């Protein structure tokens, strides 16, 4: 695992390749996944608001993610996820939601505390840990907030995720 201050290693099981993605980039991808509208894009303002940051910072991050092939970004228009970006965003959403189920149902965390802890842990768990956690939890289909947990092979946007819902 990369132990640099800003980067962590995510292993994408289906593509059998490794990508280095920092926490902020992952948070941007997950925000896009949760905010994408019927046209397949999310607005910069909504992404900035979701991540408690400025539009200028989001623009900078989107340019970088576009260069990495994770998003389709055109200035002054919405941004969408590429197949690679969608795969990574779904992976992070899966990690987050499985962790929330575990933290609330097994360890007795409050919903808010579980969300905060899952935010920290989602970026660093291995695929083996994810698989074992899912098995331990008997492969839940939804998180405690009612959001669908993407499968380990998810490549699409979960059907009932819409703008403004918890992620």
N, C-alpha and C. Protein backbone atom coordinates (compact mmCIF):
# COMPACT_ATOMS: atom_id res chain seq x y z
N UNK A 1 0.85 -1.18 0.00
CA UNK A 1 0.00 0.00 0.00
C UNK A 1 0.88 1.23 0.00
N UNK A 2 0.52 2.21 -0.79
CA UNK A 2 1.27 3.45 -0.83
C UNK A 2 1.05 4.18 0.49
N UNK A 3 2.12 4.61 1.10
CA UNK A 3 1.99 5.26 2.39
C UNK A 3 2.35 6.74 2.32
N UNK A 4 2.31 7.32 1.13
CA UNK A 4 2.60 8.75 1.03
C UNK A 4 1.52 9.53 1.76
N UNK A 5 1.82 10.76 2.09
CA UNK A 5 0.90 11.58 2.85
C UNK A 5 -0.42 11.79 2.12
N UNK A 6 -0.39 11.91 0.78
CA UNK A 6 -1.59 12.26 0.04
C UNK A 6 -2.20 11.13 -0.75
N UNK A 7 -1.53 10.02 -0.91
CA UNK A 7 -2.07 8.98 -1.78
C UNK A 7 -2.24 7.66 -1.08
N UNK A 8 -3.21 6.90 -1.55
CA UNK A 8 -3.40 5.54 -1.07
C UNK A 8 -3.64 4.68 -2.30
N UNK A 9 -3.39 3.41 -2.18
CA UNK A 9 -3.53 2.51 -3.31
C UNK A 9 -4.90 1.84 -3.25
N UNK A 10 -5.64 1.95 -4.34
CA UNK A 10 -6.89 1.22 -4.47
C UNK A 10 -6.67 0.14 -5.52
N UNK A 11 -7.05 -1.08 -5.23
CA UNK A 11 -6.93 -2.14 -6.20
C UNK A 11 -8.31 -2.44 -6.75
N UNK A 12 -8.43 -2.33 -8.04
CA UNK A 12 -9.72 -2.59 -8.68
C UNK A 12 -9.72 -4.05 -9.11
N UNK A 13 -10.53 -4.87 -8.47
CA UNK A 13 -10.52 -6.30 -8.66
C UNK A 13 -10.85 -6.69 -10.09
N UNK A 14 -11.91 -6.14 -10.66
CA UNK A 14 -12.35 -6.56 -11.99
C UNK A 14 -11.33 -6.24 -13.08
N UNK A 15 -10.69 -5.08 -13.01
CA UNK A 15 -9.75 -4.72 -14.07
C UNK A 15 -8.34 -5.23 -13.78
N UNK A 16 -8.15 -5.75 -12.56
CA UNK A 16 -6.85 -6.30 -12.14
C UNK A 16 -5.70 -5.30 -12.36
N UNK A 17 -5.99 -4.04 -12.11
CA UNK A 17 -4.96 -3.03 -12.20
C UNK A 17 -5.00 -2.17 -10.95
N UNK A 18 -3.92 -1.50 -10.68
CA UNK A 18 -3.86 -0.64 -9.50
C UNK A 18 -3.90 0.81 -9.93
N UNK A 19 -4.53 1.62 -9.13
CA UNK A 19 -4.56 3.06 -9.35
C UNK A 19 -4.20 3.73 -8.05
N UNK A 20 -3.52 4.83 -8.15
CA UNK A 20 -3.21 5.63 -6.96
C UNK A 20 -4.18 6.79 -6.95
N UNK A 21 -4.90 6.91 -5.87
CA UNK A 21 -5.96 7.89 -5.79
C UNK A 21 -5.94 8.47 -4.39
N UNK A 22 -5.83 9.79 -4.29
CA UNK A 22 -5.84 10.36 -2.94
C UNK A 22 -7.27 10.47 -2.43
N UNK A 23 -7.42 10.71 -1.15
CA UNK A 23 -8.73 10.76 -0.51
C UNK A 23 -9.63 11.80 -1.15
N UNK A 24 -9.08 12.96 -1.44
CA UNK A 24 -9.89 14.04 -2.02
C UNK A 24 -10.43 13.64 -3.39
N UNK A 25 -9.59 13.03 -4.21
CA UNK A 25 -10.06 12.58 -5.52
C UNK A 25 -11.17 11.55 -5.37
N UNK A 26 -11.00 10.63 -4.45
CA UNK A 26 -12.03 9.63 -4.20
C UNK A 26 -13.33 10.26 -3.73
N UNK A 27 -13.23 11.27 -2.86
CA UNK A 27 -14.42 11.95 -2.38
C UNK A 27 -15.14 12.68 -3.52
N UNK A 28 -14.38 13.25 -4.44
CA UNK A 28 -14.97 13.93 -5.60
C UNK A 28 -15.70 12.92 -6.47
N UNK A 29 -15.08 11.77 -6.73
CA UNK A 29 -15.72 10.74 -7.55
C UNK A 29 -17.00 10.25 -6.90
N UNK A 30 -16.97 10.02 -5.61
CA UNK A 30 -18.16 9.54 -4.90
C UNK A 30 -19.26 10.60 -4.90
N UNK A 31 -18.87 11.87 -4.79
CA UNK A 31 -19.87 12.95 -4.85
C UNK A 31 -20.54 12.98 -6.22
N UNK A 32 -19.75 12.83 -7.27
CA UNK A 32 -20.33 12.81 -8.62
C UNK A 32 -21.31 11.66 -8.74
N UNK A 33 -20.93 10.48 -8.25
CA UNK A 33 -21.80 9.31 -8.30
C UNK A 33 -23.14 9.59 -7.63
N UNK A 34 -23.10 10.26 -6.49
CA UNK A 34 -24.34 10.50 -5.75
C UNK A 34 -25.16 11.67 -6.31
N UNK A 35 -24.53 12.54 -7.07
CA UNK A 35 -25.20 13.76 -7.54
C UNK A 35 -25.61 13.71 -9.01
N UNK A 36 -25.18 12.70 -9.72
CA UNK A 36 -25.42 12.65 -11.16
C UNK A 36 -26.93 12.71 -11.45
N UNK A 37 -27.28 13.55 -12.41
CA UNK A 37 -28.68 13.75 -12.78
C UNK A 37 -29.07 12.87 -13.95
N UNK A 38 -30.28 13.06 -14.45
CA UNK A 38 -30.77 12.26 -15.57
C UNK A 38 -29.91 12.37 -16.82
N UNK A 39 -29.20 13.49 -16.95
CA UNK A 39 -28.35 13.67 -18.13
C UNK A 39 -26.98 13.02 -17.96
N UNK A 40 -26.75 12.36 -16.82
CA UNK A 40 -25.48 11.67 -16.59
C UNK A 40 -24.37 12.57 -16.08
N UNK A 41 -24.72 13.80 -15.68
CA UNK A 41 -23.70 14.72 -15.19
C UNK A 41 -24.10 15.30 -13.83
N UNK A 42 -23.11 15.83 -13.16
CA UNK A 42 -23.31 16.54 -11.89
C UNK A 42 -22.75 17.95 -12.06
N UNK A 43 -23.31 18.91 -11.34
CA UNK A 43 -22.83 20.29 -11.46
C UNK A 43 -21.66 20.54 -10.52
N UNK A 44 -20.79 21.44 -10.93
CA UNK A 44 -19.63 21.82 -10.12
C UNK A 44 -20.07 22.38 -8.77
N UNK A 45 -21.11 23.20 -8.78
CA UNK A 45 -21.59 23.81 -7.53
C UNK A 45 -22.04 22.74 -6.54
N UNK A 46 -22.77 21.74 -7.04
CA UNK A 46 -23.25 20.68 -6.17
C UNK A 46 -22.08 19.85 -5.61
N UNK A 47 -21.09 19.59 -6.45
CA UNK A 47 -19.91 18.82 -6.01
C UNK A 47 -19.16 19.61 -4.94
N UNK A 48 -18.98 20.90 -5.17
CA UNK A 48 -18.29 21.75 -4.19
C UNK A 48 -19.05 21.78 -2.87
N UNK A 49 -20.35 21.93 -2.95
CA UNK A 49 -21.18 21.97 -1.74
C UNK A 49 -21.10 20.63 -1.00
N UNK A 50 -21.19 19.52 -1.71
CA UNK A 50 -21.14 18.19 -1.09
C UNK A 50 -19.81 17.96 -0.38
N UNK A 51 -18.73 18.51 -0.93
CA UNK A 51 -17.39 18.31 -0.36
C UNK A 51 -16.92 19.47 0.50
N UNK A 52 -17.81 20.43 0.75
CA UNK A 52 -17.46 21.60 1.58
C UNK A 52 -16.18 22.27 1.10
N UNK A 53 -16.13 22.57 -0.18
CA UNK A 53 -14.96 23.21 -0.76
C UNK A 53 -15.41 24.22 -1.82
N UNK A 54 -14.45 24.87 -2.44
CA UNK A 54 -14.78 25.89 -3.44
C UNK A 54 -14.94 25.29 -4.84
N UNK A 55 -15.66 26.00 -5.68
CA UNK A 55 -15.78 25.57 -7.08
C UNK A 55 -14.41 25.58 -7.76
N UNK A 56 -13.56 26.54 -7.41
CA UNK A 56 -12.23 26.61 -8.01
C UNK A 56 -11.42 25.35 -7.70
N UNK A 57 -11.50 24.89 -6.45
CA UNK A 57 -10.78 23.67 -6.07
C UNK A 57 -11.36 22.46 -6.80
N UNK A 58 -12.69 22.39 -6.91
CA UNK A 58 -13.32 21.28 -7.62
C UNK A 58 -12.89 21.29 -9.08
N UNK A 59 -12.84 22.46 -9.69
CA UNK A 59 -12.40 22.57 -11.08
C UNK A 59 -10.99 22.03 -11.25
N UNK A 60 -10.10 22.40 -10.34
CA UNK A 60 -8.71 21.91 -10.38
C UNK A 60 -8.69 20.38 -10.26
N UNK A 61 -9.46 19.84 -9.33
CA UNK A 61 -9.49 18.39 -9.13
C UNK A 61 -10.08 17.68 -10.35
N UNK A 62 -11.11 18.27 -10.94
CA UNK A 62 -11.73 17.65 -12.11
C UNK A 62 -10.79 17.62 -13.30
N UNK A 63 -10.00 18.66 -13.46
CA UNK A 63 -9.00 18.65 -14.55
C UNK A 63 -8.02 17.50 -14.35
N UNK A 64 -7.58 17.31 -13.11
CA UNK A 64 -6.66 16.22 -12.79
C UNK A 64 -7.33 14.86 -13.01
N UNK A 65 -8.55 14.71 -12.55
CA UNK A 65 -9.27 13.44 -12.72
C UNK A 65 -9.58 13.17 -14.19
N UNK A 66 -9.79 14.23 -14.97
CA UNK A 66 -9.99 14.08 -16.40
C UNK A 66 -8.71 13.57 -17.06
N UNK A 67 -7.58 14.13 -16.66
CA UNK A 67 -6.29 13.68 -17.19
C UNK A 67 -6.02 12.21 -16.86
N UNK A 68 -6.55 11.75 -15.72
CA UNK A 68 -6.38 10.36 -15.30
C UNK A 68 -7.43 9.43 -15.93
N UNK A 69 -8.35 9.99 -16.71
CA UNK A 69 -9.37 9.18 -17.37
C UNK A 69 -10.51 8.76 -16.47
N UNK A 70 -10.73 9.49 -15.37
CA UNK A 70 -11.78 9.13 -14.42
C UNK A 70 -13.09 9.88 -14.65
N UNK A 71 -13.02 11.07 -15.23
CA UNK A 71 -14.22 11.87 -15.48
C UNK A 71 -14.20 12.45 -16.88
N UNK A 72 -15.40 12.72 -17.37
CA UNK A 72 -15.57 13.50 -18.59
C UNK A 72 -15.90 14.91 -18.14
N UNK A 73 -14.95 15.80 -18.33
CA UNK A 73 -15.10 17.16 -17.84
C UNK A 73 -14.91 18.15 -18.97
N UNK A 74 -15.89 19.04 -19.12
CA UNK A 74 -15.80 20.15 -20.07
C UNK A 74 -16.14 21.40 -19.27
N UNK A 75 -15.25 22.39 -19.34
CA UNK A 75 -15.46 23.63 -18.58
C UNK A 75 -16.85 24.20 -18.86
N UNK A 76 -17.49 24.70 -17.79
CA UNK A 76 -18.80 25.35 -17.83
C UNK A 76 -19.95 24.41 -18.17
N UNK A 77 -19.69 23.11 -18.06
CA UNK A 77 -20.75 22.11 -18.25
C UNK A 77 -20.67 21.15 -17.08
N UNK A 78 -21.59 20.25 -17.01
CA UNK A 78 -21.55 19.25 -15.95
C UNK A 78 -20.40 18.27 -16.17
N UNK A 79 -20.19 17.44 -15.17
CA UNK A 79 -19.13 16.45 -15.25
C UNK A 79 -19.75 15.07 -15.04
N UNK A 80 -19.27 14.11 -15.81
CA UNK A 80 -19.74 12.74 -15.68
C UNK A 80 -18.58 11.79 -15.41
N UNK A 81 -18.90 10.60 -14.98
CA UNK A 81 -17.88 9.59 -14.70
C UNK A 81 -17.60 8.75 -15.94
N UNK A 82 -16.34 8.46 -16.19
CA UNK A 82 -15.98 7.51 -17.23
C UNK A 82 -16.21 6.11 -16.66
N UNK A 83 -16.12 5.06 -17.46
CA UNK A 83 -16.25 3.71 -16.90
C UNK A 83 -15.25 3.44 -15.76
N UNK A 84 -14.01 3.89 -15.89
CA UNK A 84 -13.04 3.71 -14.80
C UNK A 84 -13.44 4.51 -13.57
N UNK A 85 -13.88 5.75 -13.77
CA UNK A 85 -14.31 6.58 -12.65
C UNK A 85 -15.52 6.00 -11.95
N UNK A 86 -16.45 5.47 -12.73
CA UNK A 86 -17.64 4.85 -12.17
C UNK A 86 -17.28 3.62 -11.35
N UNK A 87 -16.35 2.83 -11.85
CA UNK A 87 -15.91 1.63 -11.14
C UNK A 87 -15.28 2.00 -9.79
N UNK A 88 -14.43 3.01 -9.78
CA UNK A 88 -13.78 3.44 -8.54
C UNK A 88 -14.80 4.06 -7.58
N UNK A 89 -15.70 4.90 -8.10
CA UNK A 89 -16.72 5.53 -7.25
C UNK A 89 -17.61 4.47 -6.62
N UNK A 90 -18.00 3.46 -7.40
CA UNK A 90 -18.82 2.37 -6.86
C UNK A 90 -18.05 1.58 -5.81
N UNK A 91 -16.77 1.37 -6.04
CA UNK A 91 -15.94 0.65 -5.08
C UNK A 91 -15.89 1.41 -3.75
N UNK A 92 -15.68 2.71 -3.81
CA UNK A 92 -15.64 3.52 -2.60
C UNK A 92 -17.01 3.55 -1.90
N UNK A 93 -18.08 3.66 -2.69
CA UNK A 93 -19.42 3.63 -2.11
C UNK A 93 -19.68 2.29 -1.43
N UNK A 94 -19.23 1.20 -2.05
CA UNK A 94 -19.38 -0.14 -1.45
C UNK A 94 -18.62 -0.21 -0.13
N UNK A 95 -17.36 0.24 -0.14
CA UNK A 95 -16.57 0.24 1.10
C UNK A 95 -17.30 1.03 2.19
N UNK A 96 -17.73 2.23 1.85
CA UNK A 96 -18.36 3.12 2.82
C UNK A 96 -19.62 2.48 3.42
N UNK A 97 -20.46 1.96 2.57
CA UNK A 97 -21.73 1.42 3.04
C UNK A 97 -21.57 0.13 3.82
N UNK A 98 -20.65 -0.73 3.40
CA UNK A 98 -20.38 -1.94 4.19
C UNK A 98 -19.83 -1.57 5.56
N UNK A 99 -18.93 -0.60 5.58
CA UNK A 99 -18.38 -0.16 6.87
C UNK A 99 -19.47 0.41 7.77
N UNK A 100 -20.40 1.19 7.20
CA UNK A 100 -21.50 1.72 8.02
C UNK A 100 -22.34 0.60 8.61
N UNK A 101 -22.66 -0.41 7.81
CA UNK A 101 -23.44 -1.54 8.33
C UNK A 101 -22.70 -2.19 9.50
N UNK A 102 -21.41 -2.45 9.31
CA UNK A 102 -20.61 -3.08 10.36
C UNK A 102 -20.54 -2.21 11.61
N UNK A 103 -20.24 -0.94 11.44
CA UNK A 103 -20.07 -0.05 12.58
C UNK A 103 -21.36 0.14 13.38
N UNK A 104 -22.49 0.22 12.70
CA UNK A 104 -23.76 0.41 13.38
C UNK A 104 -24.28 -0.91 13.96
N UNK A 105 -24.37 -1.94 13.12
CA UNK A 105 -25.00 -3.20 13.53
C UNK A 105 -24.13 -4.04 14.46
N UNK A 106 -22.82 -4.00 14.27
CA UNK A 106 -21.93 -4.86 15.06
C UNK A 106 -21.29 -4.13 16.23
N UNK A 107 -20.84 -2.90 15.99
CA UNK A 107 -20.11 -2.19 17.03
C UNK A 107 -20.96 -1.16 17.77
N UNK A 108 -22.19 -0.93 17.32
CA UNK A 108 -23.09 -0.05 18.03
C UNK A 108 -22.83 1.44 17.87
N UNK A 109 -22.15 1.84 16.81
CA UNK A 109 -21.93 3.26 16.54
C UNK A 109 -23.26 3.94 16.22
N UNK A 110 -23.36 5.22 16.51
CA UNK A 110 -24.51 6.00 16.05
C UNK A 110 -24.39 6.17 14.54
N UNK A 111 -25.46 6.53 13.90
CA UNK A 111 -25.46 6.73 12.45
C UNK A 111 -24.43 7.79 12.04
N UNK A 112 -24.40 8.91 12.77
CA UNK A 112 -23.48 10.00 12.44
C UNK A 112 -22.03 9.59 12.66
N UNK A 113 -21.76 8.93 13.78
CA UNK A 113 -20.39 8.50 14.07
C UNK A 113 -19.93 7.45 13.07
N UNK A 114 -20.83 6.55 12.68
CA UNK A 114 -20.49 5.51 11.70
C UNK A 114 -20.15 6.15 10.35
N UNK A 115 -20.92 7.15 9.97
CA UNK A 115 -20.66 7.84 8.70
C UNK A 115 -19.27 8.48 8.71
N UNK A 116 -18.94 9.17 9.79
CA UNK A 116 -17.63 9.83 9.89
C UNK A 116 -16.49 8.81 9.88
N UNK A 117 -16.66 7.72 10.59
CA UNK A 117 -15.62 6.68 10.62
C UNK A 117 -15.48 6.01 9.26
N UNK A 118 -16.61 5.73 8.62
CA UNK A 118 -16.57 5.12 7.28
C UNK A 118 -15.89 6.05 6.28
N UNK A 119 -16.08 7.37 6.43
CA UNK A 119 -15.41 8.34 5.56
C UNK A 119 -13.89 8.17 5.64
N UNK A 120 -13.39 7.92 6.83
CA UNK A 120 -11.94 7.76 7.00
C UNK A 120 -11.46 6.40 6.49
N UNK A 121 -12.21 5.35 6.76
CA UNK A 121 -11.76 3.99 6.47
C UNK A 121 -11.97 3.54 5.03
N UNK A 122 -12.96 4.10 4.35
CA UNK A 122 -13.30 3.63 3.01
C UNK A 122 -12.14 3.67 2.03
N UNK A 123 -11.20 4.54 2.26
CA UNK A 123 -10.09 4.74 1.33
C UNK A 123 -8.93 3.78 1.57
N UNK A 124 -8.95 3.07 2.68
CA UNK A 124 -7.76 2.28 3.03
C UNK A 124 -8.00 0.78 3.19
N UNK A 125 -9.23 0.31 3.10
CA UNK A 125 -9.43 -1.12 3.26
C UNK A 125 -9.06 -1.85 1.97
N UNK A 126 -8.55 -3.05 2.13
CA UNK A 126 -8.16 -3.87 0.97
C UNK A 126 -9.38 -4.57 0.39
N UNK A 127 -9.23 -5.11 -0.80
CA UNK A 127 -10.32 -5.85 -1.42
C UNK A 127 -10.60 -7.14 -0.65
N UNK A 128 -9.56 -7.75 -0.10
CA UNK A 128 -9.76 -8.95 0.71
C UNK A 128 -10.59 -8.61 1.95
N UNK A 129 -10.26 -7.49 2.61
CA UNK A 129 -11.03 -7.06 3.78
C UNK A 129 -12.48 -6.80 3.38
N UNK A 130 -12.68 -6.12 2.25
CA UNK A 130 -14.04 -5.83 1.77
C UNK A 130 -14.83 -7.12 1.58
N UNK A 131 -14.22 -8.11 0.91
CA UNK A 131 -14.90 -9.38 0.66
C UNK A 131 -15.24 -10.10 1.96
N UNK A 132 -14.30 -10.12 2.89
CA UNK A 132 -14.54 -10.80 4.17
C UNK A 132 -15.59 -10.05 4.99
N UNK A 133 -15.56 -8.73 4.95
CA UNK A 133 -16.55 -7.94 5.67
C UNK A 133 -17.94 -8.21 5.12
N UNK A 134 -18.07 -8.21 3.79
CA UNK A 134 -19.38 -8.49 3.17
C UNK A 134 -19.88 -9.87 3.58
N UNK A 135 -19.00 -10.87 3.57
CA UNK A 135 -19.39 -12.22 3.97
C UNK A 135 -19.79 -12.26 5.44
N UNK A 136 -19.01 -11.59 6.30
CA UNK A 136 -19.31 -11.54 7.73
C UNK A 136 -20.69 -10.94 7.98
N UNK A 137 -21.03 -9.94 7.18
CA UNK A 137 -22.32 -9.24 7.33
C UNK A 137 -23.45 -9.93 6.56
N UNK A 138 -23.14 -11.09 5.97
CA UNK A 138 -24.12 -11.85 5.19
C UNK A 138 -24.57 -11.09 3.93
N UNK A 139 -23.64 -10.41 3.30
CA UNK A 139 -23.82 -9.71 2.03
C UNK A 139 -25.07 -8.80 2.02
N UNK A 140 -25.05 -7.75 2.85
CA UNK A 140 -26.19 -6.83 2.88
C UNK A 140 -26.37 -6.14 1.53
N UNK A 141 -27.61 -5.77 1.24
CA UNK A 141 -27.89 -5.10 -0.03
C UNK A 141 -28.07 -3.60 0.12
N UNK A 142 -28.32 -3.14 1.37
CA UNK A 142 -28.53 -1.72 1.63
C UNK A 142 -27.80 -1.30 2.89
N UNK A 143 -27.37 -0.06 2.93
CA UNK A 143 -26.74 0.49 4.13
C UNK A 143 -27.83 0.91 5.12
N UNK A 144 -27.45 1.28 6.33
CA UNK A 144 -28.45 1.69 7.32
C UNK A 144 -29.28 2.90 6.90
N UNK A 145 -28.80 3.68 5.92
CA UNK A 145 -29.54 4.85 5.45
C UNK A 145 -30.49 4.49 4.31
N UNK A 146 -30.51 3.21 3.93
CA UNK A 146 -31.40 2.76 2.86
C UNK A 146 -30.81 2.81 1.47
N UNK A 147 -29.57 3.23 1.35
CA UNK A 147 -28.92 3.30 0.03
C UNK A 147 -28.45 1.91 -0.39
N UNK A 148 -28.55 1.59 -1.69
CA UNK A 148 -28.09 0.27 -2.15
C UNK A 148 -26.57 0.16 -2.02
N UNK A 149 -26.11 -1.02 -1.67
CA UNK A 149 -24.67 -1.28 -1.61
C UNK A 149 -24.29 -1.88 -2.96
N UNK A 150 -23.46 -1.18 -3.72
CA UNK A 150 -23.06 -1.73 -5.02
C UNK A 150 -22.39 -3.08 -4.84
N UNK A 151 -22.58 -3.97 -5.81
CA UNK A 151 -21.90 -5.26 -5.78
C UNK A 151 -20.42 -5.06 -6.04
N UNK A 152 -19.63 -6.08 -5.76
CA UNK A 152 -18.19 -5.97 -5.97
C UNK A 152 -17.84 -5.84 -7.44
N UNK A 153 -18.79 -6.16 -8.31
CA UNK A 153 -18.55 -6.04 -9.75
C UNK A 153 -19.35 -4.91 -10.38
N UNK A 154 -19.83 -3.96 -9.57
CA UNK A 154 -20.69 -2.89 -10.07
C UNK A 154 -19.96 -1.99 -11.05
N UNK A 155 -20.64 -1.71 -12.14
CA UNK A 155 -20.11 -0.76 -13.11
C UNK A 155 -21.14 0.31 -13.45
N UNK A 156 -22.36 0.16 -12.96
CA UNK A 156 -23.41 1.13 -13.25
C UNK A 156 -23.74 1.98 -12.04
N UNK A 157 -24.54 3.00 -12.28
CA UNK A 157 -24.99 3.87 -11.20
C UNK A 157 -26.19 3.20 -10.55
N UNK A 158 -26.17 2.99 -9.23
CA UNK A 158 -27.32 2.38 -8.56
C UNK A 158 -28.60 3.12 -8.91
N UNK A 159 -29.64 2.40 -9.24
CA UNK A 159 -30.88 2.96 -9.76
C UNK A 159 -31.55 3.99 -8.84
N UNK A 160 -31.54 3.79 -7.53
CA UNK A 160 -32.27 4.74 -6.69
C UNK A 160 -31.39 5.77 -6.02
N UNK A 161 -30.19 5.99 -6.56
CA UNK A 161 -29.35 7.09 -6.07
C UNK A 161 -29.74 8.32 -6.86
N UNK A 162 -30.11 9.36 -6.17
CA UNK A 162 -30.47 10.60 -6.87
C UNK A 162 -29.88 11.78 -6.13
N UNK A 163 -29.89 12.91 -6.76
CA UNK A 163 -29.30 14.11 -6.20
C UNK A 163 -29.78 14.38 -4.78
N UNK A 164 -28.81 14.61 -3.91
CA UNK A 164 -29.13 15.00 -2.55
C UNK A 164 -29.23 13.85 -1.57
N UNK A 165 -29.27 12.60 -2.03
CA UNK A 165 -29.37 11.49 -1.10
C UNK A 165 -28.04 11.25 -0.41
N UNK A 166 -28.10 10.63 0.75
CA UNK A 166 -26.88 10.31 1.49
C UNK A 166 -26.01 9.39 0.66
N UNK A 167 -24.72 9.53 0.86
CA UNK A 167 -23.81 8.62 0.17
C UNK A 167 -22.85 8.07 1.16
